[in-house]
Amino acid sequence: MGSGITQRAARIFASSALSLSLRVGLALGLALALSGCDAQREARLQPGQATEQEVLREFGTPVTIRVQPDGLRRLEFSAQPEGSTNHVATIGTDGRLVQLRQLLQPESFAQIRPGMTVEQVREQLGPPALKEAYALKKEEVWDWRWQDGPTRRIFRVSFDFDGRVLSAAAMDDPRDLHR
C-alpha cells in the first residue's frame, strides 16, 4: 500500500470537520486496509524462495535482529504502538526465508503463562505497544494492540518487579468504548 494513500487518510482522519463516528469508521477501515497489505506482503514471501533482501523490501527495517546459536537470524518487525501486528522472519544461513509469522494472534496469547519471564514473553509476542510501571503495586504492565477481525483488541500482561508474569488477558481496545 503506498505511503501517499496512508498520508491522505491521516489528513482526512485528523480533520476536525469530521464527526467522531465518521472518524472511528475511517480508522477501522484504514486498519482493515493495512492488515490486507500485511497479507499481500506475506503472500509475496515464500519460505525457501524469498531472500532476506526481499523480506526487508516488504517490511522495512527490523526493530530487532537476533542471531541464534544455530546461525539462523530472527528479524522482528513491529507496527506497534498504533498498528496491530508484530511479524518475525527467520532467515536461514543461506540468506533465504525459513519462516514468517505474525505473532499477535490468539494462539500466541494462549502460550503466555504465570511465571514466564519478560524475555520469554517478548520472544513470543514481540515488542509491546505500551509499558507502564505501578510502583505501589510492584507491577509492570505491557500492552499489545491487535486486530480480531474488525475489532481492535488489547492483550495485557502484568509482571512482578522480578520480571515474572502475574497475569495475562485480552480485552477490547478502550479507545473503542466511547463510540
Protein backbone atom coordinates (compact mmCIF):
# COMPACT_ATOMS: atom_id res chain seq x y z
CA MET A 1 0.00 0.00 0.00
CA GLY A 2 1.52 3.34 -0.97
CA SER A 3 2.51 5.83 1.69
CA GLY A 4 0.64 8.54 -0.23
CA ILE A 5 -2.65 6.76 0.47
CA THR A 6 -1.94 6.46 4.20
CA GLN A 7 -0.81 10.10 4.42
CA ARG A 8 -4.02 11.29 2.75
CA ALA A 9 -6.07 9.06 5.03
CA ALA A 10 -4.30 10.51 8.07
CA ARG A 11 -5.04 14.09 6.91
CA ILE A 12 -8.72 13.24 6.35
CA PHE A 13 -8.86 11.42 9.69
CA ALA A 14 -7.37 14.38 11.55
CA SER A 15 -9.80 16.86 10.02
CA SER A 16 -11.81 18.48 12.81
CA ALA A 17 -14.79 18.78 10.45
CA LEU A 18 -15.39 15.01 10.65
CA SER A 19 -17.75 13.68 13.28
CA LEU A 20 -16.39 11.26 15.90
CA SER A 21 -18.37 8.32 14.49
CA LEU A 22 -17.10 9.03 10.98
CA ARG A 23 -13.52 9.23 12.29
CA VAL A 24 -13.91 5.90 14.12
CA GLY A 25 -15.31 4.32 10.94
CA LEU A 26 -12.43 5.67 8.88
CA ALA A 27 -9.91 4.42 11.44
CA LEU A 28 -11.39 0.92 11.37
CA GLY A 29 -11.44 0.93 7.57
CA LEU A 30 -7.84 2.07 7.43
CA ALA A 31 -6.81 -0.64 9.93
CA LEU A 32 -8.53 -3.31 7.85
CA ALA A 33 -6.94 -1.99 4.65
CA LEU A 34 -3.50 -2.01 6.22
CA SER A 35 -3.99 -5.53 7.55
CA GLY A 36 -4.82 -6.51 3.96
CA CYS A 37 -1.46 -5.04 2.96
CA ASP A 38 0.20 -7.36 5.50
CA ALA A 39 -1.50 -10.37 3.92
CA GLN A 40 -0.30 -9.27 0.47
CA ARG A 41 3.26 -8.82 1.74
CA GLU A 42 3.19 -12.22 3.43
CA ALA A 43 1.90 -13.88 0.25
CA ARG A 44 4.82 -12.47 -1.78
CA LEU A 45 7.38 -14.03 0.58
CA GLN A 46 7.57 -17.77 0.13
CA PRO A 47 9.74 -19.75 2.59
CA GLY A 48 12.72 -21.33 0.89
CA GLN A 49 12.49 -18.89 -2.04
CA ALA A 50 12.38 -15.32 -0.69
CA THR A 51 15.70 -13.75 0.27
CA GLU A 52 16.46 -11.59 3.28
CA GLN A 53 16.61 -8.57 0.96
CA GLU A 54 13.08 -9.31 -0.30
CA VAL A 55 11.84 -9.53 3.31
CA LEU A 56 13.46 -6.18 4.08
CA ARG A 57 11.94 -4.65 0.94
CA GLU A 58 8.45 -5.75 2.03
CA PHE A 59 8.67 -4.99 5.77
CA GLY A 60 11.36 -2.30 6.07
CA THR A 61 13.95 -2.05 8.81
CA PRO A 62 13.57 -4.60 11.60
CA VAL A 63 13.24 -3.31 15.16
CA THR A 64 15.42 -6.18 16.36
CA ILE A 65 17.79 -8.68 14.75
CA ARG A 66 18.84 -11.68 16.82
CA VAL A 67 21.38 -14.27 15.71
CA GLN A 68 20.57 -17.65 17.19
CA PRO A 69 23.18 -20.26 18.20
CA ASP A 70 22.45 -22.34 15.07
CA GLY A 71 23.19 -19.32 12.83
CA LEU A 72 19.56 -18.55 11.99
CA ARG A 73 18.68 -14.85 12.11
CA ARG A 74 15.43 -13.64 13.67
CA LEU A 75 14.22 -10.32 12.23
CA GLU A 76 11.41 -8.61 14.16
CA PHE A 77 9.11 -6.07 12.51
CA SER A 78 6.63 -4.16 14.65
CA ALA A 79 3.67 -1.96 13.79
CA GLN A 80 3.22 -1.13 17.49
CA PRO A 81 2.25 1.15 19.20
CA GLU A 82 -0.71 2.03 16.95
CA GLY A 83 -0.62 -0.85 14.49
CA SER A 84 -1.89 -4.35 15.17
CA THR A 85 0.95 -6.61 14.03
CA ASN A 86 4.35 -7.90 15.09
CA HIS A 87 5.99 -10.07 12.44
CA VAL A 88 9.06 -12.23 12.84
CA ALA A 89 11.03 -13.55 9.88
CA THR A 90 13.51 -16.36 10.39
CA ILE A 91 16.37 -16.22 7.87
CA GLY A 92 18.50 -19.30 7.22
CA THR A 93 22.27 -19.43 6.96
CA ASP A 94 21.81 -19.39 3.16
CA GLY A 95 20.11 -15.95 3.38
CA ARG A 96 16.65 -17.31 2.49
CA LEU A 97 13.40 -17.03 4.42
CA VAL A 98 12.73 -20.08 6.59
CA GLN A 99 9.54 -18.84 8.26
CA LEU A 100 7.40 -15.71 8.51
CA ARG A 101 4.90 -15.37 11.36
CA GLN A 102 2.50 -12.74 12.65
CA LEU A 103 2.95 -13.02 16.42
CA LEU A 104 -0.13 -11.15 17.67
CA GLN A 105 -2.84 -13.77 17.44
CA PRO A 106 -4.85 -15.87 19.92
CA GLU A 107 -2.57 -18.93 19.53
CA SER A 108 0.42 -16.87 20.70
CA PHE A 109 -1.50 -15.30 23.57
CA ALA A 110 -2.58 -18.76 24.79
CA GLN A 111 1.10 -19.64 25.35
CA ILE A 112 1.59 -16.90 27.98
CA ARG A 113 1.52 -18.38 31.48
CA PRO A 114 2.14 -17.11 35.03
CA GLY A 115 5.80 -17.41 35.97
CA MET A 116 7.18 -16.83 32.45
CA THR A 117 9.98 -14.29 32.22
CA VAL A 118 9.88 -10.93 30.44
CA GLU A 119 12.31 -12.38 27.86
CA GLN A 120 10.07 -15.38 27.16
CA VAL A 121 7.02 -13.15 26.66
CA ARG A 122 8.99 -10.75 24.46
CA GLU A 123 10.16 -13.71 22.33
CA GLN A 124 6.57 -14.96 21.98
CA LEU A 125 4.85 -11.62 21.21
CA GLY A 126 7.50 -9.15 20.05
CA PRO A 127 7.76 -5.58 21.31
CA PRO A 128 4.75 -4.17 23.18
CA ALA A 129 2.81 -1.05 22.30
CA LEU A 130 2.97 0.27 25.86
CA LYS A 131 4.81 -0.40 29.13
CA GLU A 132 3.60 1.09 32.40
CA ALA A 133 5.12 0.61 35.87
CA TYR A 134 3.00 0.72 39.03
CA ALA A 135 5.39 1.18 41.94
CA LEU A 136 2.83 0.78 44.71
CA LYS A 137 1.56 -2.50 43.28
CA LYS A 138 5.13 -3.55 42.39
CA GLU A 139 3.96 -4.45 38.90
CA GLU A 140 4.74 -3.55 35.32
CA VAL A 141 2.04 -3.89 32.66
CA TRP A 142 2.71 -4.40 28.95
CA ASP A 143 0.05 -3.97 26.25
CA TRP A 144 -0.01 -5.18 22.65
CA ARG A 145 -2.59 -3.86 20.18
CA TRP A 146 -4.01 -6.45 17.82
CA GLN A 147 -6.91 -6.96 15.45
CA ASP A 148 -9.54 -9.67 15.98
CA GLY A 149 -11.44 -9.43 12.69
CA PRO A 150 -12.90 -5.91 12.63
CA THR A 151 -12.47 -5.48 16.42
CA ARG A 152 -9.44 -3.72 17.85
CA ARG A 153 -8.17 -5.52 20.95
CA ILE A 154 -5.50 -5.23 23.63
CA PHE A 155 -3.52 -8.12 25.07
CA ARG A 156 -2.23 -7.16 28.51
CA VAL A 157 0.45 -8.91 30.57
CA SER A 158 1.23 -7.95 34.17
CA PHE A 159 4.72 -8.69 35.50
CA ASP A 160 6.05 -8.53 39.05
CA PHE A 161 9.15 -6.42 39.60
CA ASP A 162 11.26 -9.60 39.31
CA GLY A 163 10.15 -9.84 35.66
CA ARG A 164 7.75 -12.79 36.01
CA VAL A 165 4.23 -12.97 34.56
CA LEU A 166 1.49 -12.49 37.15
CA SER A 167 -1.49 -12.46 34.78
CA ALA A 168 -2.48 -12.05 31.14
CA ALA A 169 -5.78 -11.16 29.48
CA ALA A 170 -7.28 -9.99 26.19
CA MET A 171 -9.78 -7.14 26.16
CA ASP A 172 -11.46 -4.74 23.79
CA ASP A 173 -9.43 -1.65 22.99
CA PRO A 174 -10.67 1.03 25.42
CA ARG A 175 -10.40 3.62 22.64
CA ASP A 176 -13.44 1.98 21.03
CA LEU A 177 -15.67 2.04 24.12
CA HIS A 178 -16.90 5.60 23.54
CA ARG A 179 -18.39 5.12 20.10
